[in-house]
């Protein structure tokens, strides 16, 4: 799985401090750990986190990846999913991110000579510099 430069540097630092030389990230007694569930669950217990599972990490990663501008196609490949529908189950945007996302519409309802077409034959004109009320 690809990792970013920050995480790669963190792993290098930890490995150096602990004297680790294995090519694998997760090892126990110099042997590769193929399933990290036991270690993950033990770490959660030590941290006092009671309700979570490995899927939580996938959801968290996917959400942060997309909120930082990562593409859904790239996410699909990183997570090894077969289709975009599966990916969409993992992505959950924060309320703040949703609020920021709709800011692309700022100014849409304000203009120097804005007009709205009510029907093909009827036209509603607003005075210059009028701003419609916002919904909060």
N, C-alpha and C. Protein backbone atom coordinates (compact mmCIF):
# COMPACT_ATOMS: atom_id res chain seq x y z
N UNK A 1 0.86 -1.18 0.00
CA UNK A 1 0.00 0.00 0.00
C UNK A 1 0.90 1.24 0.00
N UNK A 2 0.62 2.19 -0.85
CA UNK A 2 1.44 3.41 -0.88
C UNK A 2 1.21 4.24 0.38
N UNK A 3 2.27 4.93 0.83
CA UNK A 3 2.15 5.83 1.97
C UNK A 3 2.78 7.17 1.60
N UNK A 4 2.37 8.21 2.30
CA UNK A 4 2.91 9.54 1.98
C UNK A 4 4.29 9.72 2.63
N UNK A 5 4.98 10.78 2.24
CA UNK A 5 6.34 11.04 2.72
C UNK A 5 6.40 11.23 4.23
N UNK A 6 5.41 11.89 4.81
CA UNK A 6 5.39 12.14 6.25
C UNK A 6 5.34 10.82 7.02
N UNK A 7 4.46 9.92 6.59
CA UNK A 7 4.33 8.63 7.25
C UNK A 7 5.59 7.78 7.03
N UNK A 8 6.15 7.82 5.84
CA UNK A 8 7.37 7.07 5.56
C UNK A 8 8.50 7.53 6.48
N UNK A 9 8.62 8.83 6.68
CA UNK A 9 9.65 9.37 7.56
C UNK A 9 9.40 8.96 9.01
N UNK A 10 8.15 8.98 9.43
CA UNK A 10 7.81 8.55 10.78
C UNK A 10 8.21 7.09 10.99
N UNK A 11 7.89 6.24 10.03
CA UNK A 11 8.27 4.82 10.13
C UNK A 11 9.78 4.64 10.16
N UNK A 12 10.50 5.41 9.33
CA UNK A 12 11.98 5.32 9.33
C UNK A 12 12.54 5.69 10.71
N UNK A 13 11.99 6.74 11.29
CA UNK A 13 12.45 7.19 12.61
C UNK A 13 12.19 6.14 13.68
N UNK A 14 10.98 5.60 13.69
CA UNK A 14 10.62 4.57 14.67
C UNK A 14 11.50 3.33 14.49
N UNK A 15 11.66 2.90 13.25
CA UNK A 15 12.46 1.71 12.98
C UNK A 15 13.91 1.91 13.42
N UNK A 16 14.44 3.10 13.19
CA UNK A 16 15.82 3.40 13.57
C UNK A 16 15.98 3.38 15.09
N UNK A 17 15.04 4.04 15.79
CA UNK A 17 15.09 4.09 17.25
C UNK A 17 14.95 2.70 17.87
N UNK A 18 14.15 1.84 17.24
CA UNK A 18 13.92 0.51 17.79
C UNK A 18 14.87 -0.54 17.22
N UNK A 19 15.74 -0.14 16.30
CA UNK A 19 16.69 -1.07 15.73
C UNK A 19 16.06 -2.13 14.84
N UNK A 20 14.96 -1.80 14.21
CA UNK A 20 14.26 -2.77 13.36
C UNK A 20 14.91 -2.82 11.98
N UNK A 21 15.09 -4.04 11.46
CA UNK A 21 15.74 -4.20 10.16
C UNK A 21 14.90 -4.99 9.17
N UNK A 22 13.75 -5.51 9.60
CA UNK A 22 12.91 -6.30 8.71
C UNK A 22 12.36 -5.43 7.58
N UNK A 23 12.12 -6.06 6.45
CA UNK A 23 11.52 -5.32 5.33
C UNK A 23 10.03 -5.07 5.57
N UNK A 24 9.45 -5.76 6.55
CA UNK A 24 8.03 -5.64 6.84
C UNK A 24 7.77 -4.60 7.92
N UNK A 25 6.63 -3.98 7.85
CA UNK A 25 6.26 -2.96 8.82
C UNK A 25 5.82 -3.59 10.14
N UNK A 26 5.00 -4.62 10.05
CA UNK A 26 4.49 -5.27 11.25
C UNK A 26 5.20 -6.61 11.44
N UNK A 27 6.01 -6.68 12.49
CA UNK A 27 6.75 -7.91 12.78
C UNK A 27 6.65 -8.23 14.27
N UNK A 28 6.79 -9.51 14.58
CA UNK A 28 6.85 -9.97 15.97
C UNK A 28 7.87 -11.09 16.01
N UNK A 29 8.86 -10.96 16.87
CA UNK A 29 9.96 -11.92 16.98
C UNK A 29 10.58 -12.19 15.60
N UNK A 30 10.84 -11.11 14.88
CA UNK A 30 11.49 -11.14 13.56
C UNK A 30 10.67 -11.83 12.48
N UNK A 31 9.39 -12.07 12.72
CA UNK A 31 8.53 -12.70 11.72
C UNK A 31 7.43 -11.73 11.31
N UNK A 32 7.09 -11.78 10.05
CA UNK A 32 6.03 -10.92 9.50
C UNK A 32 4.69 -11.25 10.13
N UNK A 33 3.97 -10.21 10.53
CA UNK A 33 2.60 -10.38 11.02
C UNK A 33 1.67 -10.22 9.83
N UNK A 34 0.89 -11.23 9.54
CA UNK A 34 -0.01 -11.20 8.39
C UNK A 34 -1.37 -10.62 8.74
N UNK A 35 -1.77 -10.74 10.00
CA UNK A 35 -3.08 -10.24 10.43
C UNK A 35 -2.87 -9.35 11.65
N UNK A 36 -3.19 -8.07 11.53
CA UNK A 36 -2.93 -7.11 12.60
C UNK A 36 -4.12 -6.93 13.55
N UNK A 37 -5.18 -7.72 13.38
CA UNK A 37 -6.38 -7.52 14.19
C UNK A 37 -6.12 -7.65 15.68
N UNK A 38 -5.34 -8.65 16.08
CA UNK A 38 -5.07 -8.86 17.51
C UNK A 38 -4.32 -7.67 18.09
N UNK A 39 -3.28 -7.22 17.40
CA UNK A 39 -2.51 -6.07 17.87
C UNK A 39 -3.37 -4.80 17.87
N UNK A 40 -4.17 -4.65 16.83
CA UNK A 40 -5.05 -3.47 16.72
C UNK A 40 -6.03 -3.44 17.89
N UNK A 41 -6.66 -4.58 18.16
CA UNK A 41 -7.64 -4.65 19.25
C UNK A 41 -6.98 -4.42 20.61
N UNK A 42 -5.75 -4.94 20.79
CA UNK A 42 -5.03 -4.72 22.05
C UNK A 42 -4.69 -3.24 22.22
N UNK A 43 -4.28 -2.59 21.13
CA UNK A 43 -3.96 -1.15 21.19
C UNK A 43 -5.21 -0.34 21.53
N UNK A 44 -6.34 -0.70 20.96
CA UNK A 44 -7.59 0.00 21.26
C UNK A 44 -7.95 -0.15 22.73
N UNK A 45 -7.79 -1.36 23.24
CA UNK A 45 -8.10 -1.62 24.65
C UNK A 45 -7.20 -0.79 25.57
N UNK A 46 -5.90 -0.75 25.26
CA UNK A 46 -4.96 0.05 26.06
C UNK A 46 -5.31 1.53 26.01
N UNK A 47 -5.82 1.98 24.86
CA UNK A 47 -6.18 3.40 24.70
C UNK A 47 -7.55 3.72 25.27
N UNK A 48 -8.29 2.69 25.68
CA UNK A 48 -9.62 2.91 26.24
C UNK A 48 -10.68 3.15 25.19
N UNK A 49 -10.41 2.77 23.95
CA UNK A 49 -11.38 2.92 22.86
C UNK A 49 -12.14 1.60 22.76
N UNK A 50 -13.42 1.63 23.02
CA UNK A 50 -14.17 0.39 23.14
C UNK A 50 -14.96 0.00 21.89
N UNK A 51 -15.42 0.97 21.12
CA UNK A 51 -16.30 0.65 20.01
C UNK A 51 -15.65 1.06 18.68
N UNK A 52 -15.02 0.11 18.04
CA UNK A 52 -14.43 0.35 16.72
C UNK A 52 -13.93 -0.97 16.16
N UNK A 53 -13.52 -0.96 14.92
CA UNK A 53 -12.92 -2.13 14.28
C UNK A 53 -12.02 -1.66 13.15
N UNK A 54 -11.41 -2.59 12.45
CA UNK A 54 -10.50 -2.20 11.37
C UNK A 54 -11.20 -1.43 10.26
N UNK A 55 -12.48 -1.67 10.06
CA UNK A 55 -13.22 -0.93 9.03
C UNK A 55 -13.25 0.56 9.35
N UNK A 56 -13.20 0.88 10.64
CA UNK A 56 -13.17 2.28 11.06
C UNK A 56 -11.96 2.99 10.46
N UNK A 57 -10.83 2.30 10.41
CA UNK A 57 -9.63 2.89 9.81
C UNK A 57 -9.83 3.16 8.33
N UNK A 58 -10.48 2.23 7.63
CA UNK A 58 -10.74 2.43 6.20
C UNK A 58 -11.66 3.63 5.99
N UNK A 59 -12.71 3.73 6.80
CA UNK A 59 -13.63 4.86 6.70
C UNK A 59 -12.91 6.17 6.99
N UNK A 60 -12.11 6.18 8.05
CA UNK A 60 -11.39 7.39 8.43
C UNK A 60 -10.40 7.80 7.34
N UNK A 61 -9.64 6.83 6.84
CA UNK A 61 -8.68 7.12 5.77
C UNK A 61 -9.40 7.67 4.54
N UNK A 62 -10.46 6.99 4.11
CA UNK A 62 -11.18 7.40 2.91
C UNK A 62 -11.75 8.81 3.06
N UNK A 63 -12.33 9.08 4.20
CA UNK A 63 -12.93 10.41 4.43
C UNK A 63 -11.87 11.51 4.39
N UNK A 64 -10.78 11.32 5.11
CA UNK A 64 -9.73 12.34 5.13
C UNK A 64 -9.06 12.48 3.76
N UNK A 65 -8.89 11.38 3.06
CA UNK A 65 -8.28 11.41 1.73
C UNK A 65 -9.11 12.29 0.79
N UNK A 66 -10.42 12.09 0.78
CA UNK A 66 -11.30 12.85 -0.11
C UNK A 66 -11.41 14.30 0.35
N UNK A 67 -11.51 14.53 1.66
CA UNK A 67 -11.64 15.90 2.16
C UNK A 67 -10.37 16.72 1.92
N UNK A 68 -9.25 16.06 1.69
CA UNK A 68 -8.01 16.77 1.38
C UNK A 68 -7.76 16.84 -0.11
N UNK A 69 -8.76 16.46 -0.91
CA UNK A 69 -8.66 16.64 -2.35
C UNK A 69 -8.28 15.41 -3.15
N UNK A 70 -8.17 14.26 -2.50
CA UNK A 70 -7.86 13.03 -3.23
C UNK A 70 -9.02 12.62 -4.13
N UNK A 71 -8.72 12.03 -5.26
CA UNK A 71 -9.78 11.64 -6.19
C UNK A 71 -10.41 10.32 -5.79
N UNK A 72 -11.67 10.15 -6.13
CA UNK A 72 -12.37 8.90 -5.83
C UNK A 72 -11.75 7.73 -6.59
N UNK A 73 -11.28 7.98 -7.81
CA UNK A 73 -10.65 6.92 -8.60
C UNK A 73 -9.36 6.45 -7.93
N UNK A 74 -8.55 7.38 -7.45
CA UNK A 74 -7.32 7.00 -6.75
C UNK A 74 -7.66 6.23 -5.48
N UNK A 75 -8.66 6.69 -4.76
CA UNK A 75 -9.07 6.01 -3.53
C UNK A 75 -9.53 4.59 -3.82
N UNK A 76 -10.27 4.44 -4.90
CA UNK A 76 -10.75 3.12 -5.32
C UNK A 76 -9.56 2.16 -5.50
N UNK A 77 -8.51 2.65 -6.13
CA UNK A 77 -7.33 1.81 -6.37
C UNK A 77 -6.52 1.57 -5.10
N UNK A 78 -6.38 2.59 -4.27
CA UNK A 78 -5.61 2.44 -3.02
C UNK A 78 -6.28 1.42 -2.10
N UNK A 79 -7.60 1.50 -1.98
CA UNK A 79 -8.31 0.58 -1.11
C UNK A 79 -8.57 -0.78 -1.77
N UNK A 80 -8.29 -0.88 -3.06
CA UNK A 80 -8.46 -2.15 -3.75
C UNK A 80 -9.91 -2.55 -3.93
N UNK A 81 -10.76 -1.57 -4.13
CA UNK A 81 -12.19 -1.86 -4.31
C UNK A 81 -12.52 -2.04 -5.78
N UNK A 82 -13.58 -2.80 -6.03
CA UNK A 82 -13.96 -3.12 -7.40
C UNK A 82 -14.76 -2.02 -8.07
N UNK A 83 -15.48 -1.22 -7.30
CA UNK A 83 -16.30 -0.18 -7.94
C UNK A 83 -16.49 1.02 -7.04
N UNK A 84 -16.94 2.08 -7.63
CA UNK A 84 -17.08 3.36 -6.94
C UNK A 84 -18.21 3.33 -5.90
N UNK A 85 -19.22 2.49 -6.09
CA UNK A 85 -20.31 2.39 -5.11
C UNK A 85 -19.78 1.94 -3.76
N UNK A 86 -18.86 0.99 -3.78
CA UNK A 86 -18.26 0.52 -2.54
C UNK A 86 -17.47 1.64 -1.88
N UNK A 87 -16.73 2.39 -2.68
CA UNK A 87 -15.93 3.50 -2.16
C UNK A 87 -16.83 4.53 -1.48
N UNK A 88 -17.96 4.82 -2.08
CA UNK A 88 -18.85 5.85 -1.53
C UNK A 88 -19.38 5.46 -0.15
N UNK A 89 -19.40 4.17 0.17
CA UNK A 89 -19.82 3.76 1.52
C UNK A 89 -18.76 4.13 2.55
N UNK A 90 -17.51 4.27 2.12
CA UNK A 90 -16.43 4.59 3.04
C UNK A 90 -16.28 6.09 3.29
N UNK A 91 -16.69 6.91 2.34
CA UNK A 91 -16.42 8.34 2.43
C UNK A 91 -17.54 9.05 3.20
N UNK A 92 -17.14 9.70 4.27
CA UNK A 92 -18.07 10.49 5.09
C UNK A 92 -17.44 11.85 5.30
N UNK A 93 -18.08 12.88 4.78
CA UNK A 93 -17.52 14.23 4.90
C UNK A 93 -17.94 14.87 6.21
N UNK A 94 -17.04 15.62 6.82
CA UNK A 94 -17.36 16.33 8.05
C UNK A 94 -18.34 17.46 7.75
N UNK A 95 -19.04 17.91 8.78
CA UNK A 95 -19.97 19.03 8.60
C UNK A 95 -19.23 20.27 8.12
N UNK A 96 -18.05 20.51 8.66
CA UNK A 96 -17.25 21.68 8.25
C UNK A 96 -16.87 21.57 6.78
N UNK A 97 -16.53 20.36 6.33
CA UNK A 97 -16.15 20.17 4.93
C UNK A 97 -17.35 20.40 4.01
N UNK A 98 -18.51 19.93 4.43
CA UNK A 98 -19.73 20.15 3.63
C UNK A 98 -20.03 21.65 3.53
N UNK A 99 -19.86 22.34 4.65
CA UNK A 99 -20.09 23.79 4.67
C UNK A 99 -19.13 24.50 3.72
N UNK A 100 -17.86 24.10 3.75
CA UNK A 100 -16.87 24.68 2.85
C UNK A 100 -17.19 24.34 1.39
N UNK A 101 -17.65 23.12 1.16
CA UNK A 101 -17.93 22.67 -0.21
C UNK A 101 -19.01 23.52 -0.88
N UNK A 102 -20.05 23.88 -0.13
CA UNK A 102 -21.13 24.66 -0.74
C UNK A 102 -20.77 26.13 -0.94
N UNK A 103 -19.61 26.54 -0.42
CA UNK A 103 -19.17 27.92 -0.62
C UNK A 103 -18.88 28.21 -2.09
N UNK A 104 -18.74 27.18 -2.91
CA UNK A 104 -18.55 27.43 -4.35
C UNK A 104 -19.76 28.14 -4.93
N UNK A 105 -20.88 28.09 -4.22
CA UNK A 105 -22.10 28.75 -4.68
C UNK A 105 -22.21 30.19 -4.17
N UNK A 106 -21.28 30.62 -3.31
CA UNK A 106 -21.31 32.00 -2.82
C UNK A 106 -21.32 32.96 -4.02
N UNK A 107 -22.16 33.95 -3.94
CA UNK A 107 -22.23 34.95 -5.00
C UNK A 107 -23.21 34.58 -6.10
N UNK A 108 -23.68 33.36 -6.10
CA UNK A 108 -24.61 32.93 -7.15
C UNK A 108 -25.90 33.74 -7.12
N UNK A 109 -26.33 34.11 -5.92
CA UNK A 109 -27.60 34.84 -5.79
C UNK A 109 -27.40 36.34 -5.68
N UNK A 110 -26.20 36.81 -5.98
CA UNK A 110 -25.92 38.25 -5.92
C UNK A 110 -25.21 38.65 -7.22
N UNK A 111 -25.68 39.75 -7.80
CA UNK A 111 -24.98 40.28 -8.97
C UNK A 111 -25.43 41.71 -9.20
N UNK A 112 -24.75 42.44 -10.06
CA UNK A 112 -25.09 43.84 -10.33
C UNK A 112 -26.43 43.98 -11.02
N UNK A 113 -26.79 43.08 -11.86
CA UNK A 113 -28.08 43.18 -12.55
C UNK A 113 -28.67 41.78 -12.70
N UNK A 114 -29.00 41.20 -11.57
CA UNK A 114 -29.45 39.82 -11.57
C UNK A 114 -30.92 39.72 -11.90
N UNK A 115 -31.28 38.75 -12.71
CA UNK A 115 -32.67 38.49 -13.06
C UNK A 115 -32.95 37.01 -12.92
N UNK A 116 -34.15 36.70 -12.48
CA UNK A 116 -34.59 35.30 -12.41
C UNK A 116 -35.74 35.12 -13.38
N UNK A 117 -35.72 34.05 -14.12
CA UNK A 117 -36.81 33.73 -15.03
C UNK A 117 -37.77 32.80 -14.30
N UNK A 118 -38.98 33.30 -14.06
CA UNK A 118 -39.98 32.52 -13.35
C UNK A 118 -40.62 31.53 -14.32
N UNK A 119 -41.00 31.99 -15.49
CA UNK A 119 -41.47 31.11 -16.57
C UNK A 119 -40.86 31.67 -17.84
N UNK A 120 -41.15 31.05 -18.96
CA UNK A 120 -40.60 31.53 -20.23
C UNK A 120 -41.05 32.95 -20.55
N UNK A 121 -42.27 33.31 -20.17
CA UNK A 121 -42.78 34.62 -20.55
C UNK A 121 -42.72 35.63 -19.40
N UNK A 122 -42.44 35.18 -18.20
CA UNK A 122 -42.47 36.04 -17.04
C UNK A 122 -41.05 36.24 -16.51
N UNK A 123 -40.68 37.45 -16.18
CA UNK A 123 -39.33 37.74 -15.71
C UNK A 123 -39.41 38.53 -14.41
N UNK A 124 -38.64 38.08 -13.42
CA UNK A 124 -38.58 38.76 -12.14
C UNK A 124 -37.20 39.40 -12.03
N UNK A 125 -37.14 40.73 -11.92
CA UNK A 125 -35.86 41.42 -11.80
C UNK A 125 -35.67 41.92 -10.38
N UNK A 126 -34.48 41.71 -9.87
CA UNK A 126 -34.14 42.22 -8.54
C UNK A 126 -33.35 43.51 -8.70
N UNK A 127 -33.46 44.43 -7.74
CA UNK A 127 -32.64 45.63 -7.79
C UNK A 127 -31.16 45.27 -7.71
N UNK A 128 -30.32 46.19 -8.18
CA UNK A 128 -28.89 45.95 -8.14
C UNK A 128 -28.42 45.74 -6.71
N UNK A 129 -27.40 44.86 -6.55
CA UNK A 129 -26.75 44.57 -5.27
C UNK A 129 -27.71 44.03 -4.22
N UNK A 130 -28.77 43.35 -4.64
CA UNK A 130 -29.68 42.72 -3.69
C UNK A 130 -29.20 41.31 -3.44
N UNK A 131 -29.15 40.94 -2.16
CA UNK A 131 -28.74 39.59 -1.83
C UNK A 131 -29.94 38.86 -1.24
N UNK A 132 -30.20 37.68 -1.73
CA UNK A 132 -31.28 36.88 -1.20
C UNK A 132 -30.90 36.35 0.16
N UNK A 133 -31.88 36.11 1.04
CA UNK A 133 -31.56 35.57 2.37
C UNK A 133 -30.96 34.17 2.26
N UNK A 134 -30.06 33.86 3.18
CA UNK A 134 -29.45 32.53 3.18
C UNK A 134 -30.15 31.64 4.17
N UNK A 135 -30.13 30.37 3.90
CA UNK A 135 -30.73 29.39 4.80
C UNK A 135 -29.63 28.87 5.70
N UNK A 136 -29.88 28.88 7.00
CA UNK A 136 -28.86 28.39 7.94
C UNK A 136 -29.36 27.19 8.69
